[in-house]
N, C-alpha and C. Protein backbone atom coordinates (compact mmCIF):
# COMPACT_ATOMS: atom_id res chain seq x y z
N UNK A 1 159.93 -216.14 -208.92
CA UNK A 1 159.55 -214.79 -208.53
C UNK A 1 160.77 -214.06 -207.91
N UNK A 2 161.56 -214.75 -207.13
CA UNK A 2 162.74 -214.13 -206.50
C UNK A 2 163.76 -213.70 -207.50
N UNK A 3 163.95 -214.51 -208.58
CA UNK A 3 164.91 -214.23 -209.65
C UNK A 3 164.41 -212.96 -210.42
N UNK A 4 163.15 -212.88 -210.62
CA UNK A 4 162.63 -211.68 -211.32
C UNK A 4 162.92 -210.43 -210.54
N UNK A 5 162.75 -210.44 -209.23
CA UNK A 5 162.99 -209.25 -208.41
C UNK A 5 164.46 -208.94 -208.40
N UNK A 6 165.30 -209.99 -208.35
CA UNK A 6 166.74 -209.79 -208.38
C UNK A 6 167.21 -209.14 -209.69
N UNK A 7 166.67 -209.66 -210.83
CA UNK A 7 167.02 -209.09 -212.15
C UNK A 7 166.52 -207.62 -212.24
N UNK A 8 165.31 -207.38 -211.78
CA UNK A 8 164.74 -206.02 -211.79
C UNK A 8 165.61 -205.08 -210.97
N UNK A 9 166.00 -205.54 -209.82
CA UNK A 9 166.87 -204.71 -208.90
C UNK A 9 168.20 -204.43 -209.61
N UNK A 10 168.80 -205.46 -210.19
CA UNK A 10 170.06 -205.26 -210.87
C UNK A 10 169.87 -204.26 -212.05
N UNK A 11 168.85 -204.41 -212.82
CA UNK A 11 168.61 -203.51 -213.95
C UNK A 11 168.43 -202.04 -213.43
N UNK A 12 167.68 -201.88 -212.37
CA UNK A 12 167.48 -200.51 -211.80
C UNK A 12 168.79 -199.90 -211.29
N UNK A 13 169.60 -200.74 -210.65
CA UNK A 13 170.88 -200.23 -210.14
C UNK A 13 171.81 -199.88 -211.27
N UNK A 14 171.86 -200.68 -212.31
CA UNK A 14 172.71 -200.37 -213.44
C UNK A 14 172.25 -199.10 -214.17
N UNK A 15 170.94 -198.90 -214.30
CA UNK A 15 170.44 -197.69 -214.93
C UNK A 15 170.80 -196.48 -214.07
N UNK A 16 170.61 -196.59 -212.76
CA UNK A 16 170.97 -195.49 -211.84
C UNK A 16 172.45 -195.12 -211.99
N UNK A 17 173.31 -196.14 -212.03
CA UNK A 17 174.73 -195.88 -212.14
C UNK A 17 175.08 -195.19 -213.43
N UNK A 18 174.43 -195.60 -214.53
CA UNK A 18 174.73 -194.98 -215.80
C UNK A 18 174.24 -193.54 -215.83
N UNK A 19 173.06 -193.25 -215.34
CA UNK A 19 172.58 -191.86 -215.34
C UNK A 19 173.37 -190.97 -214.37
N UNK A 20 173.80 -191.52 -213.24
CA UNK A 20 174.55 -190.70 -212.34
C UNK A 20 175.94 -190.35 -212.95
N UNK A 21 176.48 -191.23 -213.72
CA UNK A 21 177.78 -190.92 -214.37
C UNK A 21 177.58 -189.81 -215.40
N UNK A 22 176.53 -189.80 -216.10
CA UNK A 22 176.23 -188.77 -217.10
C UNK A 22 176.02 -187.42 -216.45
N UNK A 23 175.43 -187.35 -215.32
CA UNK A 23 175.10 -186.15 -214.65
C UNK A 23 176.34 -185.32 -214.33
N UNK A 24 177.48 -185.91 -214.12
CA UNK A 24 178.65 -185.20 -213.62
C UNK A 24 179.71 -185.08 -214.72
N UNK A 25 179.38 -185.22 -215.97
CA UNK A 25 180.35 -185.22 -217.05
C UNK A 25 180.97 -183.83 -217.29
N UNK A 26 180.34 -182.74 -216.84
CA UNK A 26 180.86 -181.39 -217.12
C UNK A 26 181.56 -180.78 -215.92
N UNK A 27 181.87 -181.51 -214.89
CA UNK A 27 182.47 -180.94 -213.71
C UNK A 27 183.99 -181.01 -213.75
N UNK A 28 184.56 -181.08 -214.90
CA UNK A 28 186.03 -181.09 -214.98
C UNK A 28 186.67 -182.32 -215.53
N UNK A 29 185.89 -183.38 -215.71
CA UNK A 29 186.48 -184.60 -216.17
C UNK A 29 186.93 -184.54 -217.65
N UNK A 30 186.29 -183.64 -218.43
CA UNK A 30 186.68 -183.58 -219.84
C UNK A 30 187.68 -182.42 -220.10
N UNK A 31 188.16 -181.80 -219.06
CA UNK A 31 189.21 -180.76 -219.25
C UNK A 31 190.51 -181.41 -219.63
N UNK A 32 191.17 -180.99 -220.70
CA UNK A 32 192.45 -181.58 -221.09
C UNK A 32 193.44 -181.51 -219.92
N UNK A 33 194.28 -182.50 -219.84
CA UNK A 33 195.29 -182.57 -218.75
C UNK A 33 196.21 -181.38 -218.72
N UNK A 34 196.52 -180.82 -219.87
CA UNK A 34 197.50 -179.69 -219.89
C UNK A 34 196.83 -178.32 -219.57
N UNK A 35 195.54 -178.32 -219.31
CA UNK A 35 194.82 -177.10 -218.93
C UNK A 35 194.51 -177.18 -217.46
N UNK A 36 195.28 -176.37 -216.69
CA UNK A 36 195.14 -176.38 -215.24
C UNK A 36 194.72 -175.05 -214.67
N UNK A 37 194.89 -173.98 -215.38
CA UNK A 37 194.58 -172.62 -214.85
C UNK A 37 193.77 -171.84 -215.89
N UNK A 38 192.98 -170.94 -215.36
CA UNK A 38 192.21 -170.03 -216.20
C UNK A 38 192.28 -168.61 -215.65
N UNK A 39 192.34 -167.68 -216.56
CA UNK A 39 192.29 -166.22 -216.17
C UNK A 39 191.00 -165.65 -216.68
N UNK A 40 190.26 -165.02 -215.78
CA UNK A 40 189.00 -164.36 -216.11
C UNK A 40 189.08 -162.93 -215.61
N UNK A 41 189.48 -162.02 -216.48
CA UNK A 41 189.52 -160.62 -216.08
C UNK A 41 188.13 -160.02 -215.90
N UNK A 42 188.11 -158.88 -215.31
CA UNK A 42 186.86 -158.14 -215.08
C UNK A 42 186.18 -157.90 -216.40
N UNK A 43 184.87 -158.20 -216.50
CA UNK A 43 184.03 -157.96 -217.65
C UNK A 43 183.38 -156.59 -217.49
N UNK A 44 183.81 -155.58 -218.27
CA UNK A 44 183.20 -154.26 -218.05
C UNK A 44 181.77 -154.23 -218.52
N UNK A 45 180.99 -153.37 -217.83
CA UNK A 45 179.57 -153.17 -218.16
C UNK A 45 179.42 -152.07 -219.17
N UNK A 46 179.23 -152.41 -220.43
CA UNK A 46 179.04 -151.47 -221.49
C UNK A 46 177.58 -151.25 -221.79
N UNK A 47 176.68 -151.73 -220.96
CA UNK A 47 175.23 -151.75 -221.28
C UNK A 47 174.52 -150.50 -220.75
N UNK A 48 175.22 -149.65 -219.99
CA UNK A 48 174.54 -148.53 -219.33
C UNK A 48 173.35 -148.99 -218.47
N UNK A 49 173.54 -150.07 -217.74
CA UNK A 49 172.51 -150.67 -216.95
C UNK A 49 172.12 -149.82 -215.76
N UNK A 50 173.04 -149.02 -215.29
CA UNK A 50 172.76 -148.24 -214.05
C UNK A 50 172.95 -149.05 -212.78
N UNK A 51 173.31 -150.35 -212.91
CA UNK A 51 173.53 -151.23 -211.77
C UNK A 51 175.05 -151.22 -211.55
N UNK A 52 175.48 -150.61 -210.44
CA UNK A 52 176.92 -150.38 -210.24
C UNK A 52 177.75 -151.61 -210.09
N UNK A 53 177.19 -152.69 -209.55
CA UNK A 53 177.94 -153.89 -209.29
C UNK A 53 177.67 -155.05 -210.22
N UNK A 54 177.08 -154.77 -211.41
CA UNK A 54 176.73 -155.84 -212.32
C UNK A 54 177.96 -156.59 -212.80
N UNK A 55 179.01 -155.92 -213.10
CA UNK A 55 180.25 -156.57 -213.53
C UNK A 55 180.86 -157.44 -212.40
N UNK A 56 180.83 -156.95 -211.18
CA UNK A 56 181.29 -157.74 -210.06
C UNK A 56 180.48 -159.00 -209.87
N UNK A 57 179.18 -158.89 -210.02
CA UNK A 57 178.30 -160.05 -209.83
C UNK A 57 178.56 -161.08 -210.94
N UNK A 58 178.77 -160.63 -212.16
CA UNK A 58 179.07 -161.55 -213.26
C UNK A 58 180.41 -162.25 -212.99
N UNK A 59 181.41 -161.49 -212.55
CA UNK A 59 182.72 -162.04 -212.28
C UNK A 59 182.63 -163.11 -211.19
N UNK A 60 181.86 -162.83 -210.17
CA UNK A 60 181.67 -163.81 -209.06
C UNK A 60 181.02 -165.11 -209.59
N UNK A 61 179.99 -165.05 -210.39
CA UNK A 61 179.39 -166.28 -210.84
C UNK A 61 180.28 -167.05 -211.82
N UNK A 62 181.05 -166.30 -212.62
CA UNK A 62 181.97 -166.96 -213.56
C UNK A 62 183.06 -167.70 -212.77
N UNK A 63 183.60 -167.01 -211.76
CA UNK A 63 184.62 -167.68 -210.94
C UNK A 63 184.06 -168.91 -210.22
N UNK A 64 182.86 -168.75 -209.73
CA UNK A 64 182.19 -169.90 -209.05
C UNK A 64 182.09 -171.08 -209.99
N UNK A 65 181.66 -170.82 -211.19
CA UNK A 65 181.38 -171.90 -212.13
C UNK A 65 182.72 -172.48 -212.65
N UNK A 66 183.69 -171.69 -213.07
CA UNK A 66 184.86 -172.22 -213.72
C UNK A 66 185.89 -172.69 -212.72
N UNK A 67 186.00 -172.11 -211.57
CA UNK A 67 187.07 -172.47 -210.63
C UNK A 67 186.55 -173.36 -209.50
N UNK A 68 185.43 -172.98 -208.86
CA UNK A 68 184.96 -173.76 -207.76
C UNK A 68 184.25 -175.07 -208.14
N UNK A 69 183.82 -175.13 -209.39
CA UNK A 69 183.09 -176.37 -209.83
C UNK A 69 183.85 -177.15 -210.87
N UNK A 70 185.16 -176.91 -210.96
CA UNK A 70 185.99 -177.74 -211.85
C UNK A 70 187.36 -177.83 -211.12
N UNK A 71 188.27 -178.50 -211.78
CA UNK A 71 189.62 -178.60 -211.19
C UNK A 71 190.55 -177.46 -211.53
N UNK A 72 190.02 -176.46 -212.31
CA UNK A 72 190.89 -175.35 -212.75
C UNK A 72 191.19 -174.45 -211.55
N UNK A 73 192.39 -173.92 -211.58
CA UNK A 73 192.81 -172.94 -210.58
C UNK A 73 192.79 -171.57 -211.29
N UNK A 74 192.57 -170.53 -210.53
CA UNK A 74 192.56 -169.17 -211.03
C UNK A 74 193.97 -168.66 -211.18
N UNK A 75 194.35 -168.23 -212.38
CA UNK A 75 195.67 -167.67 -212.65
C UNK A 75 195.63 -166.17 -212.28
N UNK A 76 196.82 -165.66 -211.87
CA UNK A 76 196.92 -164.26 -211.47
C UNK A 76 197.03 -163.32 -212.67
N UNK A 77 197.41 -163.86 -213.82
CA UNK A 77 197.52 -163.01 -215.02
C UNK A 77 197.26 -163.83 -216.29
N UNK A 78 197.07 -163.12 -217.33
CA UNK A 78 196.86 -163.79 -218.65
C UNK A 78 198.04 -164.63 -219.03
N UNK A 79 199.25 -164.13 -218.73
CA UNK A 79 200.50 -164.84 -219.12
C UNK A 79 200.65 -166.16 -218.33
N UNK A 80 200.10 -166.24 -217.12
CA UNK A 80 200.22 -167.45 -216.30
C UNK A 80 199.15 -168.48 -216.51
N UNK A 81 198.17 -168.18 -217.42
CA UNK A 81 196.99 -169.01 -217.56
C UNK A 81 197.11 -169.96 -218.71
N UNK A 82 196.47 -171.12 -218.60
CA UNK A 82 196.39 -172.06 -219.72
C UNK A 82 195.19 -171.72 -220.59
N UNK A 83 194.15 -171.12 -219.96
CA UNK A 83 192.93 -170.73 -220.72
C UNK A 83 192.55 -169.32 -220.32
N UNK A 84 191.87 -168.64 -221.19
CA UNK A 84 191.51 -167.24 -220.98
C UNK A 84 190.06 -167.02 -221.41
N UNK A 85 189.29 -166.38 -220.51
CA UNK A 85 187.91 -166.02 -220.81
C UNK A 85 187.76 -164.47 -220.63
N UNK A 86 187.47 -163.79 -221.70
CA UNK A 86 187.35 -162.34 -221.66
C UNK A 86 185.98 -161.94 -222.23
N UNK A 87 185.57 -160.73 -221.93
CA UNK A 87 184.31 -160.26 -222.53
C UNK A 87 183.80 -159.02 -221.86
N UNK A 88 182.59 -158.62 -222.22
CA UNK A 88 181.92 -157.49 -221.65
C UNK A 88 180.41 -157.69 -221.64
N UNK A 89 179.79 -156.96 -220.73
CA UNK A 89 178.31 -156.96 -220.68
C UNK A 89 177.87 -155.90 -221.72
N UNK A 90 177.07 -156.36 -222.72
CA UNK A 90 176.77 -155.42 -223.76
C UNK A 90 175.31 -154.92 -223.77
N UNK A 91 174.45 -155.59 -223.00
CA UNK A 91 173.05 -155.19 -222.99
C UNK A 91 172.39 -155.58 -221.69
N UNK A 92 171.54 -154.65 -221.17
CA UNK A 92 170.74 -154.94 -219.97
C UNK A 92 169.35 -154.30 -220.20
N UNK A 93 168.31 -155.08 -220.02
CA UNK A 93 166.99 -154.46 -220.05
C UNK A 93 166.12 -155.04 -219.00
N UNK A 94 165.17 -154.23 -218.58
CA UNK A 94 164.14 -154.57 -217.62
C UNK A 94 162.82 -154.07 -218.20
N UNK A 95 162.05 -154.96 -218.80
CA UNK A 95 160.85 -154.55 -219.56
C UNK A 95 159.66 -155.34 -219.07
N UNK A 96 158.49 -154.79 -219.32
CA UNK A 96 157.21 -155.56 -219.02
C UNK A 96 157.21 -156.81 -219.89
N UNK A 97 156.85 -157.93 -219.30
CA UNK A 97 156.78 -159.18 -220.00
C UNK A 97 155.36 -159.61 -220.21
N UNK A 98 154.52 -159.40 -219.22
CA UNK A 98 153.09 -159.69 -219.42
C UNK A 98 152.30 -158.59 -218.75
N UNK A 99 151.12 -158.30 -219.32
CA UNK A 99 150.28 -157.21 -218.86
C UNK A 99 149.02 -157.83 -218.26
N UNK A 100 148.65 -157.30 -217.10
CA UNK A 100 147.43 -157.75 -216.45
C UNK A 100 146.19 -157.04 -216.92
N UNK A 101 145.07 -157.38 -216.29
CA UNK A 101 143.75 -156.78 -216.70
C UNK A 101 143.72 -155.27 -216.51
N UNK A 102 144.46 -154.70 -215.65
CA UNK A 102 144.46 -153.29 -215.41
C UNK A 102 145.49 -152.52 -216.27
N UNK A 103 145.94 -153.22 -217.33
CA UNK A 103 146.92 -152.69 -218.27
C UNK A 103 148.25 -152.25 -217.63
N UNK A 104 148.59 -152.89 -216.53
CA UNK A 104 149.91 -152.71 -215.87
C UNK A 104 150.65 -154.03 -215.93
N UNK A 105 151.94 -153.90 -215.93
CA UNK A 105 152.77 -155.10 -216.03
C UNK A 105 152.61 -155.92 -214.74
N UNK A 106 152.29 -157.21 -214.89
CA UNK A 106 152.28 -158.09 -213.75
C UNK A 106 153.50 -159.04 -213.73
N UNK A 107 154.26 -158.95 -214.80
CA UNK A 107 155.55 -159.64 -214.91
C UNK A 107 156.49 -158.75 -215.71
N UNK A 108 157.70 -158.55 -215.17
CA UNK A 108 158.79 -157.87 -215.90
C UNK A 108 159.86 -158.92 -216.19
N UNK A 109 160.62 -158.65 -217.24
CA UNK A 109 161.69 -159.57 -217.59
C UNK A 109 163.02 -158.81 -217.66
N UNK A 110 163.99 -159.28 -216.93
CA UNK A 110 165.35 -158.81 -216.98
C UNK A 110 166.10 -159.64 -218.01
N UNK A 111 166.73 -158.99 -218.95
CA UNK A 111 167.53 -159.68 -219.99
C UNK A 111 168.90 -159.04 -219.99
N UNK A 112 169.95 -159.91 -219.90
CA UNK A 112 171.32 -159.48 -219.93
C UNK A 112 172.06 -160.21 -221.09
N UNK A 113 172.82 -159.46 -221.85
CA UNK A 113 173.57 -160.09 -222.94
C UNK A 113 175.05 -159.81 -222.66
N UNK A 114 175.89 -160.85 -222.78
CA UNK A 114 177.32 -160.75 -222.59
C UNK A 114 177.98 -161.25 -223.82
N UNK A 115 178.99 -160.57 -224.30
CA UNK A 115 179.75 -161.05 -225.43
C UNK A 115 181.15 -161.50 -224.88
N UNK A 116 181.58 -162.70 -225.26
CA UNK A 116 182.79 -163.24 -224.67
C UNK A 116 183.64 -163.99 -225.67
N UNK A 117 184.92 -164.13 -225.32
CA UNK A 117 185.88 -164.90 -226.11
C UNK A 117 186.61 -165.89 -225.20
N UNK A 118 186.75 -167.10 -225.68
CA UNK A 118 187.42 -168.15 -224.91
C UNK A 118 188.57 -168.66 -225.73
N UNK A 119 189.75 -168.78 -225.11
CA UNK A 119 190.91 -169.31 -225.88
C UNK A 119 191.86 -170.04 -224.95
N UNK A 120 192.73 -170.86 -225.57
CA UNK A 120 193.81 -171.53 -224.92
C UNK A 120 195.09 -170.72 -225.23
N UNK A 121 195.91 -170.57 -224.28
CA UNK A 121 197.17 -169.80 -224.50
C UNK A 121 198.06 -170.52 -225.51
N UNK A 122 197.97 -171.83 -225.63
CA UNK A 122 198.87 -172.55 -226.58
C UNK A 122 198.40 -172.49 -227.98
N UNK A 123 197.17 -172.12 -228.21
CA UNK A 123 196.58 -172.04 -229.55
C UNK A 123 196.52 -170.60 -230.03
N UNK A 124 196.81 -170.44 -231.28
CA UNK A 124 196.79 -169.05 -231.88
C UNK A 124 195.32 -168.67 -232.13
N UNK A 125 194.47 -169.62 -232.39
CA UNK A 125 193.04 -169.35 -232.68
C UNK A 125 192.24 -169.46 -231.36
N UNK A 126 191.18 -168.67 -231.31
CA UNK A 126 190.27 -168.73 -230.20
C UNK A 126 189.29 -169.93 -230.40
N UNK A 127 188.88 -170.53 -229.28
CA UNK A 127 187.89 -171.60 -229.35
C UNK A 127 186.57 -170.99 -229.83
N UNK A 128 186.23 -169.86 -229.24
CA UNK A 128 185.07 -169.05 -229.76
C UNK A 128 185.39 -167.60 -229.46
N UNK A 129 184.90 -166.76 -230.40
CA UNK A 129 185.21 -165.36 -230.33
C UNK A 129 183.98 -164.49 -230.48
N UNK A 130 183.85 -163.52 -229.58
CA UNK A 130 182.71 -162.57 -229.61
C UNK A 130 181.38 -163.28 -229.68
N UNK A 131 181.26 -164.35 -228.94
CA UNK A 131 180.02 -165.11 -228.90
C UNK A 131 179.10 -164.49 -227.84
N UNK A 132 177.88 -164.32 -228.20
CA UNK A 132 176.86 -163.70 -227.35
C UNK A 132 176.16 -164.76 -226.47
N UNK A 133 175.99 -164.44 -225.22
CA UNK A 133 175.33 -165.30 -224.26
C UNK A 133 174.25 -164.42 -223.58
N UNK A 134 173.02 -164.97 -223.55
CA UNK A 134 171.85 -164.23 -223.02
C UNK A 134 171.28 -164.93 -221.88
N UNK A 135 170.96 -164.20 -220.80
CA UNK A 135 170.25 -164.69 -219.66
C UNK A 135 169.01 -163.86 -219.43
N UNK A 136 167.91 -164.54 -219.12
CA UNK A 136 166.65 -163.83 -218.89
C UNK A 136 165.98 -164.45 -217.66
N UNK A 137 165.22 -163.54 -216.95
CA UNK A 137 164.47 -164.04 -215.83
C UNK A 137 163.35 -163.07 -215.55
N UNK A 138 162.15 -163.59 -215.24
CA UNK A 138 161.01 -162.71 -214.99
C UNK A 138 160.73 -162.58 -213.46
N UNK A 139 160.12 -161.47 -213.11
CA UNK A 139 159.80 -161.24 -211.74
C UNK A 139 158.48 -160.41 -211.68
N UNK A 140 157.88 -160.34 -210.50
CA UNK A 140 156.65 -159.62 -210.28
C UNK A 140 156.97 -158.22 -209.73
N UNK A 141 156.77 -157.20 -210.58
CA UNK A 141 157.14 -155.82 -210.16
C UNK A 141 156.14 -155.25 -209.15
N UNK A 142 155.04 -155.89 -208.91
CA UNK A 142 154.03 -155.40 -207.96
C UNK A 142 154.43 -155.75 -206.54
N UNK A 143 155.31 -156.69 -206.38
CA UNK A 143 155.75 -157.07 -205.02
C UNK A 143 156.83 -156.08 -204.56
N UNK A 144 158.06 -156.45 -204.54
CA UNK A 144 159.21 -155.61 -204.21
C UNK A 144 159.98 -155.43 -205.49
N UNK A 145 159.73 -154.31 -206.24
CA UNK A 145 160.36 -154.23 -207.55
C UNK A 145 161.88 -154.13 -207.55
N UNK A 146 162.47 -153.53 -206.50
CA UNK A 146 163.92 -153.42 -206.45
C UNK A 146 164.55 -154.76 -206.21
N UNK A 147 164.05 -155.47 -205.18
CA UNK A 147 164.59 -156.79 -204.88
C UNK A 147 164.25 -157.78 -206.01
N UNK A 148 163.07 -157.67 -206.60
CA UNK A 148 162.72 -158.51 -207.72
C UNK A 148 163.67 -158.36 -208.86
N UNK A 149 163.95 -157.14 -209.26
CA UNK A 149 164.88 -156.90 -210.33
C UNK A 149 166.31 -157.40 -209.99
N UNK A 150 166.70 -157.17 -208.77
CA UNK A 150 167.99 -157.61 -208.34
C UNK A 150 168.15 -159.12 -208.41
N UNK A 151 167.13 -159.87 -207.93
CA UNK A 151 167.16 -161.32 -207.96
C UNK A 151 167.10 -161.85 -209.41
N UNK A 152 166.29 -161.15 -210.23
CA UNK A 152 166.15 -161.56 -211.65
C UNK A 152 167.53 -161.38 -212.34
N UNK A 153 168.23 -160.28 -212.06
CA UNK A 153 169.55 -160.06 -212.63
C UNK A 153 170.50 -161.16 -212.22
N UNK A 154 170.47 -161.54 -210.93
CA UNK A 154 171.31 -162.65 -210.45
C UNK A 154 171.07 -163.97 -211.19
N UNK A 155 169.77 -164.28 -211.38
CA UNK A 155 169.37 -165.50 -212.11
C UNK A 155 169.86 -165.43 -213.55
N UNK A 156 169.69 -164.27 -214.22
CA UNK A 156 170.16 -164.13 -215.56
C UNK A 156 171.67 -164.31 -215.73
N UNK A 157 172.44 -163.75 -214.75
CA UNK A 157 173.85 -163.91 -214.74
C UNK A 157 174.29 -165.33 -214.52
N UNK A 158 173.52 -166.05 -213.68
CA UNK A 158 173.81 -167.45 -213.42
C UNK A 158 173.62 -168.25 -214.72
N UNK A 159 172.55 -167.98 -215.46
CA UNK A 159 172.31 -168.64 -216.73
C UNK A 159 173.49 -168.43 -217.68
N UNK A 160 173.94 -167.17 -217.76
CA UNK A 160 175.06 -166.82 -218.67
C UNK A 160 176.29 -167.59 -218.25
N UNK A 161 176.64 -167.60 -217.01
CA UNK A 161 177.86 -168.29 -216.55
C UNK A 161 177.77 -169.78 -216.84
N UNK A 162 176.57 -170.37 -216.62
CA UNK A 162 176.36 -171.80 -216.91
C UNK A 162 176.54 -172.08 -218.41
N UNK A 163 175.97 -171.21 -219.24
CA UNK A 163 176.07 -171.41 -220.68
C UNK A 163 177.52 -171.25 -221.17
N UNK A 164 178.26 -170.28 -220.59
CA UNK A 164 179.66 -170.11 -221.00
C UNK A 164 180.47 -171.30 -220.60
N UNK A 165 180.25 -171.80 -219.40
CA UNK A 165 180.98 -172.95 -218.87
C UNK A 165 180.70 -174.17 -219.79
N UNK A 166 179.42 -174.43 -220.08
CA UNK A 166 179.07 -175.58 -220.93
C UNK A 166 179.62 -175.41 -222.35
N UNK A 167 179.67 -174.21 -222.87
CA UNK A 167 180.21 -174.00 -224.20
C UNK A 167 181.71 -174.24 -224.18
N UNK A 168 182.40 -173.78 -223.14
CA UNK A 168 183.84 -174.01 -223.05
C UNK A 168 184.16 -175.50 -222.84
N UNK A 169 183.40 -176.16 -222.02
CA UNK A 169 183.63 -177.60 -221.79
C UNK A 169 183.33 -178.41 -223.05
N UNK A 170 182.34 -177.98 -223.83
CA UNK A 170 182.00 -178.78 -225.03
C UNK A 170 183.08 -178.68 -226.05
N UNK A 171 183.91 -177.58 -225.98
CA UNK A 171 185.01 -177.46 -226.96
C UNK A 171 186.22 -178.30 -226.49
N UNK A 172 186.22 -178.78 -225.26
CA UNK A 172 187.29 -179.55 -224.78
C UNK A 172 187.06 -180.94 -225.25
């Protein structure tokens, strides 16, 4: 009986160690050794969203994801960077997502689409070019519609930044 518990404990520990290693595979370990810096210029808002700081918010989450959660340092210019991420916000919408019994929206959905290009300075070809990334999030417009839309936009931008990062890392 004691041997069975020991083997079961060993098996559980080894499974835990294997899954914990997999969980952190995208935090910079697969970045090539010669890629140390990235330049992420301002992504202009071409969506006519009416949200004045949407580009700033996207830039903040991209920097958080690429610089603060990997070993990459932020370059001051495109010429100083080993990798380059450029793009623009091309679409923003806030539409009813589900209608309640009173024929009014009880859920709205914010959807943001960003088109981006990722490249290495040493390669003539882009890793991906003009690739679209979409983030969506729903909120209850009957509560606080302004704060709800604002939070939904933040969540959608977070999805976009995560998807861009994962797409860039998968090409490494």
